[in-house]
């Protein structure tokens, strides 16, 4: 059952995209607009729909893990193709925030993973990183193979809110202010644990945040 704080934060996460969509649609209907303006409204609305969809996917999978009903459907994945599919899913958000995503693939890496769940894992982190990265900046994503593990590193100059949450999580879940973000962090831990992997979030001395994900081959 949702506690009051989580319910409040969840309603806030849902209300924001709905408010944006309502305002943009009302503005578009008030007067004739160019085809370009209508297209921009549709693109923006699509991103907000994706945002709501992500919330429902996160909540659904989180409850499955909590109830012991989550099932992994693993299959061989080419990591480079998989990461490109993930980044394509957030392309609109990158353009809207004027952020460049640089990807580097050291060698061909194959992993055995649940594509849907692992995609959700990376989208959760990347959307959060984009949100706290200033305009006209960049995010670096590097993939390589080390020993018997696939290593994915995401580097950004943003102060990733999950870094703060990770510190709080390690001490006590009660210290985390936004319980929806706490839920997402817990879900990401469920997903990566189910793949026998791990992730760390570090605040570097050069004001960069480093997310390192390790997944067994």
N, C-alpha and C. Protein backbone atom coordinates (compact mmCIF):
# COMPACT_ATOMS: atom_id res chain seq x y z
N UNK A 1 0.84 -1.19 0.00
CA UNK A 1 0.00 0.00 0.00
C UNK A 1 0.88 1.25 0.00
N UNK A 2 0.46 2.28 -0.77
CA UNK A 2 1.24 3.50 -0.84
C UNK A 2 1.11 4.29 0.46
N UNK A 3 2.25 4.75 1.02
CA UNK A 3 2.15 5.62 2.18
C UNK A 3 1.83 7.04 1.71
N UNK A 4 1.48 7.91 2.64
CA UNK A 4 1.02 9.25 2.27
C UNK A 4 2.07 10.06 1.52
N UNK A 5 3.33 9.97 1.97
CA UNK A 5 4.39 10.74 1.31
C UNK A 5 4.62 10.26 -0.12
N UNK A 6 4.66 8.95 -0.30
CA UNK A 6 4.87 8.40 -1.64
C UNK A 6 3.70 8.76 -2.54
N UNK A 7 2.48 8.67 -2.01
CA UNK A 7 1.29 9.02 -2.79
C UNK A 7 1.36 10.48 -3.22
N UNK A 8 1.77 11.36 -2.30
CA UNK A 8 1.88 12.79 -2.61
C UNK A 8 2.92 13.03 -3.71
N UNK A 9 4.09 12.41 -3.59
CA UNK A 9 5.14 12.60 -4.59
C UNK A 9 4.75 12.00 -5.93
N UNK A 10 4.04 10.87 -5.89
CA UNK A 10 3.60 10.24 -7.13
C UNK A 10 2.59 11.12 -7.85
N UNK A 11 1.67 11.71 -7.11
CA UNK A 11 0.69 12.62 -7.71
C UNK A 11 1.38 13.84 -8.32
N UNK A 12 2.43 14.31 -7.65
CA UNK A 12 3.20 15.44 -8.17
C UNK A 12 3.87 15.06 -9.50
N UNK A 13 4.44 13.86 -9.56
CA UNK A 13 5.11 13.40 -10.78
C UNK A 13 4.12 13.27 -11.93
N UNK A 14 2.88 12.89 -11.64
CA UNK A 14 1.86 12.73 -12.68
C UNK A 14 1.22 14.07 -13.05
N UNK A 15 1.06 14.94 -12.06
CA UNK A 15 0.38 16.22 -12.30
C UNK A 15 1.19 17.12 -13.24
N UNK A 16 2.51 17.13 -13.09
CA UNK A 16 3.34 18.02 -13.90
C UNK A 16 3.17 17.79 -15.41
N UNK A 17 3.35 16.56 -15.91
CA UNK A 17 3.18 16.36 -17.36
C UNK A 17 1.75 16.62 -17.83
N UNK A 18 0.76 16.29 -17.01
CA UNK A 18 -0.63 16.53 -17.39
C UNK A 18 -0.92 18.02 -17.49
N UNK A 19 -0.36 18.81 -16.57
CA UNK A 19 -0.54 20.27 -16.60
C UNK A 19 0.10 20.87 -17.85
N UNK A 20 1.30 20.39 -18.18
CA UNK A 20 1.99 20.88 -19.38
C UNK A 20 1.19 20.55 -20.63
N UNK A 21 0.71 19.32 -20.73
CA UNK A 21 -0.06 18.90 -21.91
C UNK A 21 -1.34 19.72 -22.04
N UNK A 22 -2.04 19.90 -20.94
CA UNK A 22 -3.30 20.66 -20.96
C UNK A 22 -3.06 22.09 -21.42
N UNK A 23 -2.02 22.73 -20.88
CA UNK A 23 -1.72 24.11 -21.25
C UNK A 23 -1.35 24.26 -22.71
N UNK A 24 -0.54 23.34 -23.22
CA UNK A 24 -0.11 23.42 -24.62
C UNK A 24 -1.26 23.16 -25.58
N UNK A 25 -2.12 22.21 -25.25
CA UNK A 25 -3.27 21.90 -26.12
C UNK A 25 -4.25 23.07 -26.13
N UNK A 26 -4.51 23.65 -24.96
CA UNK A 26 -5.42 24.80 -24.89
C UNK A 26 -4.88 25.98 -25.69
N UNK A 27 -3.57 26.22 -25.61
CA UNK A 27 -2.95 27.30 -26.36
C UNK A 27 -3.06 27.05 -27.87
N UNK A 28 -2.85 25.80 -28.27
CA UNK A 28 -2.90 25.45 -29.69
C UNK A 28 -4.31 25.61 -30.26
N UNK A 29 -5.33 25.42 -29.42
CA UNK A 29 -6.72 25.50 -29.89
C UNK A 29 -7.27 26.92 -29.89
N UNK A 30 -6.58 27.85 -29.24
CA UNK A 30 -7.10 29.21 -29.12
C UNK A 30 -7.08 29.95 -30.44
N UNK A 31 -6.10 29.69 -31.28
CA UNK A 31 -6.00 30.40 -32.55
C UNK A 31 -5.30 29.52 -33.58
N UNK A 32 -5.41 29.94 -34.82
CA UNK A 32 -4.74 29.18 -35.88
C UNK A 32 -3.23 29.29 -35.71
N UNK A 33 -2.56 28.18 -35.87
CA UNK A 33 -1.10 28.15 -35.76
C UNK A 33 -0.52 27.54 -37.02
N UNK A 34 0.76 27.75 -37.19
CA UNK A 34 1.44 27.16 -38.34
C UNK A 34 1.59 25.65 -38.10
N UNK A 35 1.82 24.95 -39.19
CA UNK A 35 2.03 23.50 -39.09
C UNK A 35 3.22 23.20 -38.18
N UNK A 36 4.24 24.05 -38.23
CA UNK A 36 5.43 23.86 -37.40
C UNK A 36 5.08 23.95 -35.92
N UNK A 37 4.23 24.94 -35.56
CA UNK A 37 3.84 25.10 -34.16
C UNK A 37 3.03 23.92 -33.67
N UNK A 38 2.11 23.43 -34.52
CA UNK A 38 1.33 22.25 -34.14
C UNK A 38 2.23 21.04 -33.94
N UNK A 39 3.22 20.92 -34.82
CA UNK A 39 4.16 19.80 -34.72
C UNK A 39 4.95 19.88 -33.42
N UNK A 40 5.37 21.10 -33.05
CA UNK A 40 6.11 21.28 -31.81
C UNK A 40 5.28 20.89 -30.59
N UNK A 41 3.98 21.23 -30.64
CA UNK A 41 3.08 20.86 -29.54
C UNK A 41 2.96 19.34 -29.44
N UNK A 42 2.83 18.68 -30.59
CA UNK A 42 2.72 17.22 -30.60
C UNK A 42 4.00 16.56 -30.09
N UNK A 43 5.14 17.10 -30.48
CA UNK A 43 6.42 16.54 -30.02
C UNK A 43 6.54 16.69 -28.50
N UNK A 44 6.18 17.87 -28.00
CA UNK A 44 6.24 18.11 -26.56
C UNK A 44 5.26 17.21 -25.82
N UNK A 45 4.05 17.07 -26.36
CA UNK A 45 3.04 16.21 -25.73
C UNK A 45 3.48 14.75 -25.73
N UNK A 46 4.15 14.33 -26.80
CA UNK A 46 4.64 12.95 -26.87
C UNK A 46 5.64 12.68 -25.75
N UNK A 47 6.51 13.65 -25.49
CA UNK A 47 7.49 13.49 -24.42
C UNK A 47 6.80 13.38 -23.06
N UNK A 48 5.73 14.17 -22.86
CA UNK A 48 5.00 14.11 -21.59
C UNK A 48 4.25 12.79 -21.45
N UNK A 49 3.71 12.28 -22.56
CA UNK A 49 3.06 10.96 -22.54
C UNK A 49 4.08 9.88 -22.19
N UNK A 50 5.27 9.99 -22.77
CA UNK A 50 6.34 9.03 -22.45
C UNK A 50 6.72 9.11 -20.98
N UNK A 51 6.67 10.32 -20.44
CA UNK A 51 7.00 10.52 -19.02
C UNK A 51 5.97 9.81 -18.12
N UNK A 52 4.69 9.95 -18.46
CA UNK A 52 3.64 9.28 -17.70
C UNK A 52 3.75 7.77 -17.85
N UNK A 53 4.03 7.33 -19.08
CA UNK A 53 4.17 5.90 -19.34
C UNK A 53 5.32 5.30 -18.52
N UNK A 54 6.42 6.06 -18.40
CA UNK A 54 7.56 5.58 -17.63
C UNK A 54 7.19 5.42 -16.16
N UNK A 55 6.41 6.36 -15.63
CA UNK A 55 5.98 6.27 -14.23
C UNK A 55 5.16 5.01 -14.01
N UNK A 56 4.22 4.73 -14.91
CA UNK A 56 3.37 3.54 -14.75
C UNK A 56 4.19 2.25 -14.89
N UNK A 57 5.15 2.24 -15.81
CA UNK A 57 6.01 1.06 -15.98
C UNK A 57 6.85 0.83 -14.72
N UNK A 58 7.39 1.91 -14.17
CA UNK A 58 8.19 1.80 -12.95
C UNK A 58 7.36 1.26 -11.79
N UNK A 59 6.17 1.82 -11.61
CA UNK A 59 5.31 1.40 -10.50
C UNK A 59 4.90 -0.06 -10.66
N UNK A 60 4.55 -0.45 -11.88
CA UNK A 60 4.12 -1.83 -12.14
C UNK A 60 5.23 -2.83 -11.83
N UNK A 61 6.44 -2.55 -12.33
CA UNK A 61 7.55 -3.47 -12.11
C UNK A 61 7.99 -3.48 -10.65
N UNK A 62 7.96 -2.30 -10.01
CA UNK A 62 8.33 -2.23 -8.60
C UNK A 62 7.41 -3.11 -7.75
N UNK A 63 6.10 -3.04 -8.00
CA UNK A 63 5.15 -3.84 -7.24
C UNK A 63 5.35 -5.33 -7.50
N UNK A 64 5.72 -5.69 -8.73
CA UNK A 64 6.00 -7.10 -9.04
C UNK A 64 7.19 -7.60 -8.24
N UNK A 65 8.24 -6.78 -8.14
CA UNK A 65 9.40 -7.18 -7.34
C UNK A 65 9.04 -7.26 -5.86
N UNK A 66 8.27 -6.30 -5.38
CA UNK A 66 7.88 -6.29 -3.97
C UNK A 66 7.05 -7.52 -3.61
N UNK A 67 6.21 -7.96 -4.57
CA UNK A 67 5.33 -9.11 -4.32
C UNK A 67 5.95 -10.44 -4.74
N UNK A 68 7.19 -10.38 -5.24
CA UNK A 68 7.86 -11.61 -5.66
C UNK A 68 7.34 -12.17 -6.97
N UNK A 69 6.71 -11.31 -7.80
CA UNK A 69 6.12 -11.77 -9.06
C UNK A 69 6.95 -11.39 -10.29
N UNK A 70 8.07 -10.71 -10.09
CA UNK A 70 8.87 -10.27 -11.24
C UNK A 70 9.54 -11.47 -11.90
N UNK A 71 9.49 -11.50 -13.23
CA UNK A 71 10.08 -12.59 -14.00
C UNK A 71 11.09 -12.01 -14.99
N UNK A 72 12.29 -12.57 -15.01
CA UNK A 72 13.31 -12.16 -15.98
C UNK A 72 13.17 -12.96 -17.26
N UNK A 73 13.14 -12.27 -18.38
CA UNK A 73 13.12 -12.93 -19.69
C UNK A 73 14.44 -12.61 -20.38
N UNK A 74 15.48 -13.34 -20.02
CA UNK A 74 16.81 -13.05 -20.53
C UNK A 74 17.00 -13.56 -21.95
N UNK A 75 17.79 -12.81 -22.71
CA UNK A 75 18.18 -13.22 -24.05
C UNK A 75 19.50 -12.54 -24.39
N UNK A 76 20.26 -13.06 -25.35
CA UNK A 76 21.53 -12.42 -25.72
C UNK A 76 21.28 -11.03 -26.32
N UNK A 77 22.03 -10.04 -25.83
CA UNK A 77 21.90 -8.68 -26.33
C UNK A 77 23.27 -8.15 -26.75
N UNK A 78 23.31 -7.56 -27.93
CA UNK A 78 24.50 -6.82 -28.35
C UNK A 78 24.46 -5.48 -27.62
N UNK A 79 25.43 -5.23 -26.75
CA UNK A 79 25.37 -4.07 -25.87
C UNK A 79 25.34 -2.76 -26.66
N UNK A 80 26.09 -2.68 -27.75
CA UNK A 80 26.11 -1.44 -28.54
C UNK A 80 24.73 -1.16 -29.14
N UNK A 81 24.10 -2.17 -29.72
CA UNK A 81 22.77 -1.99 -30.30
C UNK A 81 21.75 -1.66 -29.22
N UNK A 82 21.87 -2.34 -28.08
CA UNK A 82 20.96 -2.10 -26.96
C UNK A 82 21.07 -0.66 -26.46
N UNK A 83 22.29 -0.17 -26.24
CA UNK A 83 22.49 1.19 -25.75
C UNK A 83 21.97 2.21 -26.76
N UNK A 84 22.15 1.95 -28.04
CA UNK A 84 21.65 2.87 -29.07
C UNK A 84 20.12 2.92 -29.04
N UNK A 85 19.47 1.79 -28.77
CA UNK A 85 18.01 1.77 -28.64
C UNK A 85 17.57 2.58 -27.42
N UNK A 86 18.34 2.48 -26.34
CA UNK A 86 18.03 3.25 -25.13
C UNK A 86 18.14 4.75 -25.41
N UNK A 87 19.25 5.15 -26.05
CA UNK A 87 19.46 6.58 -26.31
C UNK A 87 18.45 7.13 -27.31
N UNK A 88 18.00 6.29 -28.25
CA UNK A 88 16.95 6.74 -29.18
C UNK A 88 15.66 7.07 -28.43
N UNK A 89 15.42 6.38 -27.33
CA UNK A 89 14.20 6.59 -26.55
C UNK A 89 14.19 7.93 -25.82
N UNK A 90 15.38 8.50 -25.61
CA UNK A 90 15.46 9.78 -24.90
C UNK A 90 15.95 10.90 -25.81
N UNK A 91 15.93 10.65 -27.13
CA UNK A 91 16.47 11.62 -28.09
C UNK A 91 15.74 12.96 -28.01
N UNK A 92 14.40 12.93 -27.91
CA UNK A 92 13.63 14.17 -27.84
C UNK A 92 14.02 14.98 -26.62
N UNK A 93 14.19 14.30 -25.50
CA UNK A 93 14.56 14.98 -24.25
C UNK A 93 15.94 15.62 -24.37
N UNK A 94 16.86 14.95 -25.03
CA UNK A 94 18.19 15.51 -25.24
C UNK A 94 18.13 16.78 -26.08
N UNK A 95 17.34 16.73 -27.16
CA UNK A 95 17.20 17.89 -28.05
C UNK A 95 16.55 19.06 -27.31
N UNK A 96 15.47 18.76 -26.56
CA UNK A 96 14.77 19.82 -25.83
C UNK A 96 15.68 20.51 -24.82
N UNK A 97 16.59 19.76 -24.21
CA UNK A 97 17.48 20.32 -23.20
C UNK A 97 18.84 20.73 -23.76
N UNK A 98 18.98 20.63 -25.10
CA UNK A 98 20.21 21.06 -25.79
C UNK A 98 21.45 20.39 -25.18
N UNK A 99 21.33 19.07 -25.01
CA UNK A 99 22.42 18.29 -24.42
C UNK A 99 22.93 17.28 -25.45
N UNK A 100 24.23 17.16 -25.54
CA UNK A 100 24.85 16.22 -26.46
C UNK A 100 25.22 14.95 -25.70
N UNK A 101 24.84 13.80 -26.24
CA UNK A 101 25.20 12.52 -25.66
C UNK A 101 26.29 11.88 -26.52
N UNK A 102 27.47 11.69 -25.92
CA UNK A 102 28.59 11.07 -26.63
C UNK A 102 28.71 9.62 -26.19
N UNK A 103 28.72 8.69 -27.14
CA UNK A 103 28.84 7.27 -26.81
C UNK A 103 30.14 6.70 -27.36
N UNK A 104 30.74 5.80 -26.58
CA UNK A 104 32.00 5.16 -26.97
C UNK A 104 31.89 3.66 -26.69
N UNK A 105 32.20 2.85 -27.69
CA UNK A 105 32.15 1.40 -27.54
C UNK A 105 33.53 0.83 -27.86
N UNK A 106 34.16 0.29 -26.82
CA UNK A 106 35.54 -0.17 -26.97
C UNK A 106 35.63 -1.45 -27.80
N UNK A 107 34.69 -2.34 -27.61
CA UNK A 107 34.69 -3.59 -28.36
C UNK A 107 33.29 -4.19 -28.34
N UNK A 108 33.08 -5.22 -29.15
CA UNK A 108 31.77 -5.86 -29.20
C UNK A 108 31.54 -6.65 -27.91
N UNK A 109 30.40 -6.38 -27.29
CA UNK A 109 30.08 -7.03 -26.02
C UNK A 109 28.68 -7.63 -26.11
N UNK A 110 28.56 -8.90 -25.75
CA UNK A 110 27.27 -9.56 -25.68
C UNK A 110 26.94 -9.87 -24.23
N UNK A 111 25.72 -9.52 -23.82
CA UNK A 111 25.28 -9.82 -22.46
C UNK A 111 23.99 -10.63 -22.54
N UNK A 112 23.70 -11.36 -21.48
CA UNK A 112 22.45 -12.12 -21.38
C UNK A 112 21.56 -11.41 -20.38
N UNK A 113 20.51 -10.73 -20.88
CA UNK A 113 19.74 -9.86 -19.99
C UNK A 113 18.29 -9.75 -20.43
N UNK A 114 17.46 -9.25 -19.50
CA UNK A 114 16.07 -8.92 -19.81
C UNK A 114 16.07 -7.53 -20.43
N UNK A 115 15.79 -7.45 -21.72
CA UNK A 115 15.92 -6.19 -22.45
C UNK A 115 15.01 -5.10 -21.89
N UNK A 116 13.75 -5.44 -21.62
CA UNK A 116 12.79 -4.44 -21.15
C UNK A 116 13.21 -3.86 -19.79
N UNK A 117 13.58 -4.74 -18.86
CA UNK A 117 13.94 -4.27 -17.52
C UNK A 117 15.24 -3.48 -17.52
N UNK A 118 16.22 -3.96 -18.27
CA UNK A 118 17.50 -3.26 -18.31
C UNK A 118 17.36 -1.90 -19.01
N UNK A 119 16.49 -1.84 -20.01
CA UNK A 119 16.23 -0.56 -20.68
C UNK A 119 15.60 0.43 -19.71
N UNK A 120 14.68 -0.06 -18.89
CA UNK A 120 14.04 0.79 -17.88
C UNK A 120 15.08 1.30 -16.89
N UNK A 121 16.00 0.44 -16.50
CA UNK A 121 17.08 0.80 -15.59
C UNK A 121 17.88 1.99 -16.12
N UNK A 122 18.32 1.90 -17.38
CA UNK A 122 19.15 2.97 -17.94
C UNK A 122 18.34 4.24 -18.22
N UNK A 123 17.10 4.09 -18.67
CA UNK A 123 16.28 5.27 -18.93
C UNK A 123 16.03 6.04 -17.64
N UNK A 124 15.77 5.33 -16.55
CA UNK A 124 15.56 5.99 -15.26
C UNK A 124 16.76 6.86 -14.89
N UNK A 125 17.95 6.31 -15.02
CA UNK A 125 19.15 7.07 -14.68
C UNK A 125 19.40 8.21 -15.67
N UNK A 126 19.29 7.92 -16.95
CA UNK A 126 19.61 8.93 -17.96
C UNK A 126 18.64 10.11 -17.91
N UNK A 127 17.36 9.84 -17.72
CA UNK A 127 16.38 10.94 -17.63
C UNK A 127 16.68 11.82 -16.43
N UNK A 128 17.06 11.21 -15.34
CA UNK A 128 17.41 11.98 -14.15
C UNK A 128 18.67 12.81 -14.38
N UNK A 129 19.65 12.22 -15.03
CA UNK A 129 20.90 12.92 -15.33
C UNK A 129 20.63 14.11 -16.26
N UNK A 130 19.81 13.89 -17.29
CA UNK A 130 19.48 14.97 -18.23
C UNK A 130 18.79 16.12 -17.50
N UNK A 131 17.89 15.76 -16.59
CA UNK A 131 17.13 16.77 -15.85
C UNK A 131 18.04 17.71 -15.07
N UNK A 132 19.16 17.18 -14.57
CA UNK A 132 20.05 17.99 -13.74
C UNK A 132 21.35 18.37 -14.45
N UNK A 133 21.34 18.27 -15.78
CA UNK A 133 22.49 18.71 -16.57
C UNK A 133 22.13 20.04 -17.24
N UNK A 134 22.99 21.02 -17.13
CA UNK A 134 22.71 22.34 -17.70
C UNK A 134 22.73 22.28 -19.22
N UNK A 135 22.03 23.24 -19.85
CA UNK A 135 21.94 23.29 -21.31
C UNK A 135 23.32 23.45 -21.94
N UNK A 136 23.42 22.98 -23.18
CA UNK A 136 24.64 23.06 -23.99
C UNK A 136 25.81 22.36 -23.31
N UNK A 137 25.49 21.31 -22.56
CA UNK A 137 26.52 20.50 -21.93
C UNK A 137 26.49 19.11 -22.57
N UNK A 138 27.27 18.20 -22.07
CA UNK A 138 27.29 16.88 -22.67
C UNK A 138 27.30 15.79 -21.60
N UNK A 139 26.85 14.61 -22.03
CA UNK A 139 26.89 13.40 -21.21
C UNK A 139 27.72 12.38 -21.98
N UNK A 140 28.64 11.75 -21.30
CA UNK A 140 29.50 10.75 -21.93
C UNK A 140 29.11 9.35 -21.45
N UNK A 141 28.92 8.44 -22.40
CA UNK A 141 28.55 7.06 -22.07
C UNK A 141 29.56 6.12 -22.73
N UNK A 142 30.27 5.35 -21.90
CA UNK A 142 31.32 4.47 -22.40
C UNK A 142 31.02 3.02 -22.05
N UNK A 143 31.20 2.13 -23.03
CA UNK A 143 30.98 0.70 -22.82
C UNK A 143 32.25 -0.07 -23.15
N UNK A 144 32.58 -1.04 -22.29
CA UNK A 144 33.74 -1.87 -22.57
C UNK A 144 33.60 -3.20 -21.83
N UNK A 145 34.48 -4.12 -22.15
CA UNK A 145 34.49 -5.43 -21.50
C UNK A 145 35.73 -5.54 -20.64
N UNK A 146 35.53 -5.92 -19.37
CA UNK A 146 36.65 -6.10 -18.46
C UNK A 146 36.47 -7.44 -17.75
N UNK A 147 37.45 -8.33 -17.95
CA UNK A 147 37.38 -9.68 -17.40
C UNK A 147 36.09 -10.34 -17.90
N UNK A 148 35.20 -10.72 -17.01
CA UNK A 148 33.95 -11.37 -17.42
C UNK A 148 32.75 -10.47 -17.19
N UNK A 149 32.97 -9.16 -17.28
CA UNK A 149 31.89 -8.21 -17.04
C UNK A 149 31.80 -7.16 -18.14
N UNK A 150 30.58 -6.74 -18.41
CA UNK A 150 30.36 -5.57 -19.26
C UNK A 150 30.32 -4.36 -18.34
N UNK A 151 31.11 -3.33 -18.68
CA UNK A 151 31.19 -2.12 -17.85
C UNK A 151 30.61 -0.95 -18.65
N UNK A 152 29.60 -0.31 -18.08
CA UNK A 152 29.01 0.88 -18.70
C UNK A 152 29.20 2.05 -17.74
N UNK A 153 29.85 3.10 -18.22
CA UNK A 153 30.09 4.28 -17.40
C UNK A 153 29.43 5.51 -18.02
N UNK A 154 28.71 6.24 -17.19
CA UNK A 154 28.05 7.47 -17.63
C UNK A 154 28.64 8.62 -16.82
N UNK A 155 29.19 9.61 -17.52
CA UNK A 155 29.86 10.74 -16.87
C UNK A 155 29.14 12.03 -17.25
N UNK A 156 28.86 12.86 -16.26
CA UNK A 156 28.19 14.13 -16.51
C UNK A 156 28.67 15.17 -15.50
N UNK A 157 28.54 16.43 -15.86
CA UNK A 157 28.89 17.51 -14.94
C UNK A 157 27.74 17.85 -14.00
N UNK A 158 26.58 17.21 -14.21
CA UNK A 158 25.42 17.52 -13.37
C UNK A 158 25.62 16.94 -11.98
N UNK A 159 24.90 17.55 -11.01
CA UNK A 159 24.84 16.92 -9.69
C UNK A 159 23.64 15.99 -9.72
N UNK A 160 23.90 14.75 -10.04
CA UNK A 160 22.83 13.76 -10.19
C UNK A 160 22.11 13.58 -8.86
N UNK A 161 20.80 13.79 -8.85
CA UNK A 161 20.03 13.68 -7.61
C UNK A 161 20.12 12.27 -7.03
N UNK A 162 20.35 11.27 -7.88
CA UNK A 162 20.47 9.91 -7.38
C UNK A 162 21.74 9.74 -6.55
N UNK A 163 22.74 10.61 -6.78
CA UNK A 163 23.95 10.53 -5.96
C UNK A 163 23.61 10.87 -4.51
N UNK A 164 22.82 11.92 -4.34
CA UNK A 164 22.37 12.30 -2.99
C UNK A 164 21.50 11.19 -2.40
N UNK A 165 20.61 10.64 -3.23
CA UNK A 165 19.73 9.59 -2.75
C UNK A 165 20.50 8.32 -2.40
N UNK A 166 21.56 8.04 -3.15
CA UNK A 166 22.36 6.85 -2.88
C UNK A 166 23.01 6.97 -1.51
N UNK A 167 23.55 8.14 -1.20
CA UNK A 167 24.15 8.35 0.11
C UNK A 167 23.11 8.17 1.22
N UNK A 168 21.92 8.74 0.99
CA UNK A 168 20.86 8.62 1.98
C UNK A 168 20.39 7.18 2.09
N UNK A 169 20.31 6.51 0.94
CA UNK A 169 19.83 5.12 0.93
C UNK A 169 20.77 4.22 1.73
N UNK A 170 22.06 4.47 1.60
CA UNK A 170 23.03 3.65 2.31
C UNK A 170 22.92 3.82 3.83
N UNK A 171 22.41 5.00 4.25
CA UNK A 171 22.26 5.26 5.68
C UNK A 171 20.88 4.81 6.17
N UNK A 172 19.86 5.32 5.49
CA UNK A 172 18.49 4.99 5.89
C UNK A 172 17.53 5.51 4.84
N UNK A 173 16.59 4.68 4.42
CA UNK A 173 15.60 5.11 3.45
C UNK A 173 14.80 6.30 3.95
N UNK A 174 14.69 6.45 5.25
CA UNK A 174 13.88 7.52 5.83
C UNK A 174 14.47 8.89 5.57
N UNK A 175 15.75 8.96 5.21
CA UNK A 175 16.40 10.25 5.00
C UNK A 175 16.14 10.81 3.60
N UNK A 176 15.53 10.03 2.73
CA UNK A 176 15.32 10.47 1.36
C UNK A 176 14.05 11.31 1.28
N UNK A 177 14.19 12.54 0.76
CA UNK A 177 13.06 13.46 0.75
C UNK A 177 11.97 13.05 -0.22
N UNK A 178 12.32 12.77 -1.47
CA UNK A 178 11.32 12.41 -2.46
C UNK A 178 11.21 10.90 -2.53
N UNK A 179 10.10 10.36 -2.02
CA UNK A 179 9.98 8.91 -1.91
C UNK A 179 9.75 8.24 -3.25
N UNK A 180 9.26 8.99 -4.25
CA UNK A 180 9.14 8.39 -5.58
C UNK A 180 10.53 8.13 -6.15
N UNK A 181 11.45 9.09 -6.00
CA UNK A 181 12.82 8.88 -6.46
C UNK A 181 13.48 7.75 -5.68
N UNK A 182 13.14 7.62 -4.41
CA UNK A 182 13.64 6.51 -3.61
C UNK A 182 13.14 5.19 -4.17
N UNK A 183 11.87 5.18 -4.58
CA UNK A 183 11.28 3.97 -5.17
C UNK A 183 12.01 3.59 -6.45
N UNK A 184 12.32 4.59 -7.29
CA UNK A 184 13.01 4.32 -8.55
C UNK A 184 14.40 3.77 -8.29
N UNK A 185 15.08 4.34 -7.30
CA UNK A 185 16.41 3.84 -6.96
C UNK A 185 16.33 2.40 -6.47
N UNK A 186 15.32 2.11 -5.65
CA UNK A 186 15.15 0.74 -5.16
C UNK A 186 14.83 -0.21 -6.31
N UNK A 187 13.98 0.25 -7.25
CA UNK A 187 13.66 -0.57 -8.42
C UNK A 187 14.92 -0.86 -9.23
N UNK A 188 15.74 0.17 -9.44
CA UNK A 188 16.98 -0.03 -10.19
C UNK A 188 17.89 -1.04 -9.50
N UNK A 189 17.89 -1.03 -8.17
CA UNK A 189 18.68 -2.01 -7.42
C UNK A 189 18.10 -3.41 -7.59
N UNK A 190 16.77 -3.52 -7.60
CA UNK A 190 16.13 -4.81 -7.85
C UNK A 190 16.55 -5.36 -9.21
N UNK A 191 16.48 -4.48 -10.23
CA UNK A 191 16.78 -4.91 -11.60
C UNK A 191 18.23 -5.37 -11.74
N UNK A 192 19.16 -4.56 -11.23
CA UNK A 192 20.57 -4.91 -11.40
C UNK A 192 20.95 -6.12 -10.55
N UNK A 193 20.34 -6.25 -9.37
CA UNK A 193 20.59 -7.43 -8.53
C UNK A 193 20.08 -8.70 -9.21
N UNK A 194 18.93 -8.59 -9.90
CA UNK A 194 18.37 -9.74 -10.60
C UNK A 194 19.28 -10.21 -11.72
N UNK A 195 20.12 -9.28 -12.23
CA UNK A 195 21.08 -9.62 -13.28
C UNK A 195 22.45 -9.95 -12.70
N UNK A 196 22.52 -10.09 -11.37
CA UNK A 196 23.79 -10.38 -10.67
C UNK A 196 24.84 -9.32 -10.94
N UNK A 197 24.38 -8.09 -11.18
CA UNK A 197 25.29 -6.98 -11.46
C UNK A 197 25.37 -6.01 -10.30
N UNK A 198 25.94 -4.85 -10.56
CA UNK A 198 26.07 -3.83 -9.52
C UNK A 198 26.18 -2.46 -10.18
N UNK A 199 25.92 -1.41 -9.39
CA UNK A 199 26.17 -0.05 -9.87
C UNK A 199 26.63 0.82 -8.72
N UNK A 200 27.46 1.80 -9.05
CA UNK A 200 27.93 2.77 -8.06
C UNK A 200 27.77 4.17 -8.63
N UNK A 201 27.57 5.14 -7.75
CA UNK A 201 27.46 6.54 -8.15
C UNK A 201 28.49 7.32 -7.34
N UNK A 202 29.38 8.01 -8.04
CA UNK A 202 30.46 8.74 -7.37
C UNK A 202 30.44 10.21 -7.76
N UNK A 203 30.68 11.06 -6.79
CA UNK A 203 30.88 12.48 -7.05
C UNK A 203 32.37 12.72 -7.16
N UNK A 204 32.84 13.08 -8.36
CA UNK A 204 34.27 13.25 -8.60
C UNK A 204 34.73 14.65 -8.19
N UNK A 205 36.03 14.80 -7.99
CA UNK A 205 36.60 16.07 -7.54
C UNK A 205 36.48 17.17 -8.59
N UNK A 206 36.34 16.80 -9.87
CA UNK A 206 36.23 17.80 -10.94
C UNK A 206 34.77 18.17 -11.21
N UNK A 207 33.91 18.01 -10.20
CA UNK A 207 32.50 18.38 -10.27
C UNK A 207 31.71 17.52 -11.26
N UNK A 208 32.20 16.34 -11.52
CA UNK A 208 31.49 15.41 -12.39
C UNK A 208 30.90 14.27 -11.57
N UNK A 209 29.80 13.73 -12.08
CA UNK A 209 29.18 12.57 -11.46
C UNK A 209 29.45 11.36 -12.34
N UNK A 210 29.87 10.27 -11.74
CA UNK A 210 30.20 9.06 -12.48
C UNK A 210 29.29 7.92 -12.02
N UNK A 211 28.51 7.38 -12.97
CA UNK A 211 27.70 6.19 -12.72
C UNK A 211 28.39 5.02 -13.41
N UNK A 212 28.73 3.99 -12.66
CA UNK A 212 29.37 2.81 -13.21
C UNK A 212 28.47 1.60 -13.01
N UNK A 213 28.14 0.92 -14.10
CA UNK A 213 27.29 -0.27 -14.06
C UNK A 213 28.11 -1.46 -14.52
N UNK A 214 28.04 -2.55 -13.76
CA UNK A 214 28.75 -3.77 -14.10
C UNK A 214 27.75 -4.91 -14.23
N UNK A 215 27.80 -5.62 -15.39
CA UNK A 215 26.88 -6.73 -15.65
C UNK A 215 27.70 -7.93 -16.11
N UNK A 216 27.53 -9.09 -15.46
CA UNK A 216 28.28 -10.28 -15.88
C UNK A 216 27.94 -10.68 -17.31
N UNK A 217 28.94 -11.16 -18.03
CA UNK A 217 28.72 -11.61 -19.41
C UNK A 217 28.07 -12.99 -19.42
